[in-house]
C-alpha cells in the first residue's frame, strides 16, 4: 500500500543562497523552481526512469 503523503523537507543550500526556499518540498528541484519560476516561464522537464532488479 502506498503512503497517502510523501514526507516533505526543507533543503539547505550551500553556495547559491538566492535559490534557497523557506518552505518544505518533496524534491529539491521544487524548491528551486518555487523561488525562481515566474508566470509564463517555459520549463523543460527530463524524466529519468530506471528499473531496479527486484527478486
N, C-alpha and C. Protein backbone atom coordinates (compact mmCIF):
# COMPACT_ATOMS: atom_id res chain seq x y z
N UNK A 1 0.84 -1.17 0.00
CA UNK A 1 0.00 0.00 0.00
C UNK A 1 0.90 1.25 0.00
N UNK A 2 0.55 2.23 -0.81
CA UNK A 2 1.33 3.45 -0.90
C UNK A 2 0.95 4.41 0.22
N UNK A 3 1.93 5.20 0.63
CA UNK A 3 1.65 6.23 1.62
C UNK A 3 0.75 7.29 0.99
N UNK A 4 -0.15 7.85 1.79
CA UNK A 4 -1.03 8.89 1.28
C UNK A 4 -0.27 10.17 0.99
N UNK A 5 0.76 10.45 1.76
CA UNK A 5 1.50 11.68 1.60
C UNK A 5 2.99 11.41 1.74
N UNK A 6 3.78 11.94 0.85
CA UNK A 6 5.23 11.80 0.95
C UNK A 6 5.77 12.79 1.98
N UNK A 7 6.86 12.42 2.59
CA UNK A 7 7.49 13.31 3.56
C UNK A 7 8.07 14.53 2.86
N UNK A 8 7.96 15.67 3.50
CA UNK A 8 8.48 16.92 2.95
C UNK A 8 9.65 17.38 3.81
N UNK A 9 10.59 18.06 3.16
CA UNK A 9 11.79 18.52 3.85
C UNK A 9 12.09 19.97 3.47
N UNK A 10 12.85 20.62 4.31
CA UNK A 10 13.39 21.92 3.96
C UNK A 10 14.86 21.68 3.63
N UNK A 11 15.17 21.78 2.35
CA UNK A 11 16.52 21.51 1.89
C UNK A 11 17.40 22.74 2.06
N UNK A 12 18.54 22.55 2.68
CA UNK A 12 19.52 23.62 2.84
C UNK A 12 20.32 23.77 1.55
N UNK A 13 20.71 24.99 1.27
CA UNK A 13 21.51 25.27 0.08
C UNK A 13 22.89 25.73 0.52
N UNK A 14 23.91 25.14 -0.08
CA UNK A 14 25.26 25.63 0.18
C UNK A 14 25.77 26.25 -1.11
N UNK A 15 26.18 27.48 -1.03
CA UNK A 15 26.67 28.15 -2.23
C UNK A 15 25.72 29.24 -2.67
N UNK A 16 24.82 28.93 -3.58
CA UNK A 16 23.93 29.92 -4.17
C UNK A 16 22.68 30.09 -3.30
N UNK A 17 22.75 30.98 -2.33
CA UNK A 17 21.63 31.14 -1.40
C UNK A 17 20.44 31.85 -2.02
N UNK A 18 20.58 32.39 -3.22
CA UNK A 18 19.43 33.06 -3.86
C UNK A 18 18.37 32.07 -4.30
N UNK A 19 18.69 30.78 -4.35
CA UNK A 19 17.69 29.78 -4.74
C UNK A 19 17.12 29.04 -3.54
N UNK A 20 17.57 29.39 -2.32
CA UNK A 20 17.07 28.68 -1.15
C UNK A 20 15.60 29.03 -0.91
N UNK A 21 14.79 28.02 -0.67
CA UNK A 21 13.36 28.17 -0.47
C UNK A 21 13.03 27.90 0.99
N UNK A 22 12.25 28.75 1.60
CA UNK A 22 11.95 28.62 3.03
C UNK A 22 10.92 27.55 3.35
N UNK A 23 10.16 27.11 2.36
CA UNK A 23 9.13 26.11 2.60
C UNK A 23 9.67 24.69 2.56
N UNK A 24 8.77 23.74 2.74
CA UNK A 24 9.13 22.33 2.67
C UNK A 24 8.63 21.75 1.36
N UNK A 25 9.47 20.94 0.73
CA UNK A 25 9.13 20.32 -0.55
C UNK A 25 9.54 18.85 -0.52
N UNK A 26 9.00 18.09 -1.45
CA UNK A 26 9.35 16.67 -1.55
C UNK A 26 10.68 16.50 -2.28
N UNK A 27 10.86 17.24 -3.37
CA UNK A 27 12.08 17.14 -4.17
C UNK A 27 12.81 18.47 -4.17
N UNK A 28 14.14 18.48 -4.10
CA UNK A 28 14.89 19.73 -4.08
C UNK A 28 14.60 20.65 -5.26
N UNK A 29 14.37 20.11 -6.44
CA UNK A 29 14.12 20.94 -7.62
C UNK A 29 12.86 21.78 -7.43
N UNK A 30 11.89 21.29 -6.67
CA UNK A 30 10.67 22.06 -6.43
C UNK A 30 10.97 23.35 -5.67
N UNK A 31 11.92 23.29 -4.75
CA UNK A 31 12.32 24.48 -4.01
C UNK A 31 12.98 25.50 -4.92
N UNK A 32 13.82 25.04 -5.82
CA UNK A 32 14.49 25.94 -6.77
C UNK A 32 13.46 26.59 -7.68
N UNK A 33 12.55 25.80 -8.21
CA UNK A 33 11.54 26.34 -9.11
C UNK A 33 10.59 27.29 -8.39
N UNK A 34 10.24 26.98 -7.15
CA UNK A 34 9.33 27.84 -6.40
C UNK A 34 9.91 29.23 -6.21
N UNK A 35 11.21 29.31 -6.10
CA UNK A 35 11.87 30.59 -5.85
C UNK A 35 12.18 31.35 -7.14
N UNK A 36 12.41 30.65 -8.22
CA UNK A 36 12.91 31.30 -9.44
C UNK A 36 11.91 31.34 -10.59
N UNK A 37 10.92 30.47 -10.60
CA UNK A 37 9.99 30.39 -11.71
C UNK A 37 9.01 31.56 -11.70
N UNK A 38 8.83 32.16 -12.83
CA UNK A 38 7.90 33.29 -12.98
C UNK A 38 6.72 32.85 -13.85
N UNK A 39 5.63 33.57 -13.77
CA UNK A 39 4.45 33.26 -14.58
C UNK A 39 4.83 33.29 -16.06
N UNK A 40 4.34 32.33 -16.81
CA UNK A 40 4.57 32.18 -18.25
C UNK A 40 5.99 31.75 -18.62
N UNK A 41 6.83 31.38 -17.65
CA UNK A 41 8.15 30.82 -17.97
C UNK A 41 7.96 29.45 -18.59
N UNK A 42 8.81 29.13 -19.54
CA UNK A 42 8.79 27.78 -20.13
C UNK A 42 9.72 26.89 -19.32
N UNK A 43 9.26 25.68 -19.07
CA UNK A 43 10.05 24.72 -18.30
C UNK A 43 10.17 23.45 -19.11
N UNK A 44 11.40 22.99 -19.28
CA UNK A 44 11.63 21.70 -19.93
C UNK A 44 11.95 20.70 -18.83
N UNK A 45 11.30 19.56 -18.91
CA UNK A 45 11.46 18.53 -17.88
C UNK A 45 12.04 17.28 -18.51
N UNK A 46 13.02 16.72 -17.85
CA UNK A 46 13.59 15.45 -18.28
C UNK A 46 13.27 14.43 -17.20
N UNK A 47 12.58 13.38 -17.59
CA UNK A 47 12.21 12.33 -16.65
C UNK A 47 13.14 11.15 -16.85
N UNK A 48 13.85 10.83 -15.79
CA UNK A 48 14.72 9.66 -15.83
C UNK A 48 13.97 8.51 -15.20
N UNK A 49 13.84 7.43 -15.93
CA UNK A 49 13.16 6.26 -15.43
C UNK A 49 14.17 5.11 -15.45
N UNK A 50 14.34 4.49 -14.34
CA UNK A 50 15.28 3.38 -14.30
C UNK A 50 14.62 2.19 -13.62
N UNK A 51 15.02 1.03 -14.05
CA UNK A 51 14.45 -0.20 -13.49
C UNK A 51 15.41 -0.75 -12.45
N UNK A 52 14.86 -1.29 -11.39
CA UNK A 52 15.66 -1.94 -10.38
C UNK A 52 15.42 -3.43 -10.47
N UNK A 53 16.45 -4.16 -10.23
CA UNK A 53 16.30 -5.63 -10.20
C UNK A 53 15.67 -6.01 -8.87
N UNK A 54 14.46 -6.49 -8.92
CA UNK A 54 13.76 -6.90 -7.73
C UNK A 54 13.56 -8.40 -7.78
N UNK A 55 13.98 -9.06 -6.75
CA UNK A 55 13.84 -10.52 -6.72
C UNK A 55 12.94 -10.94 -5.61
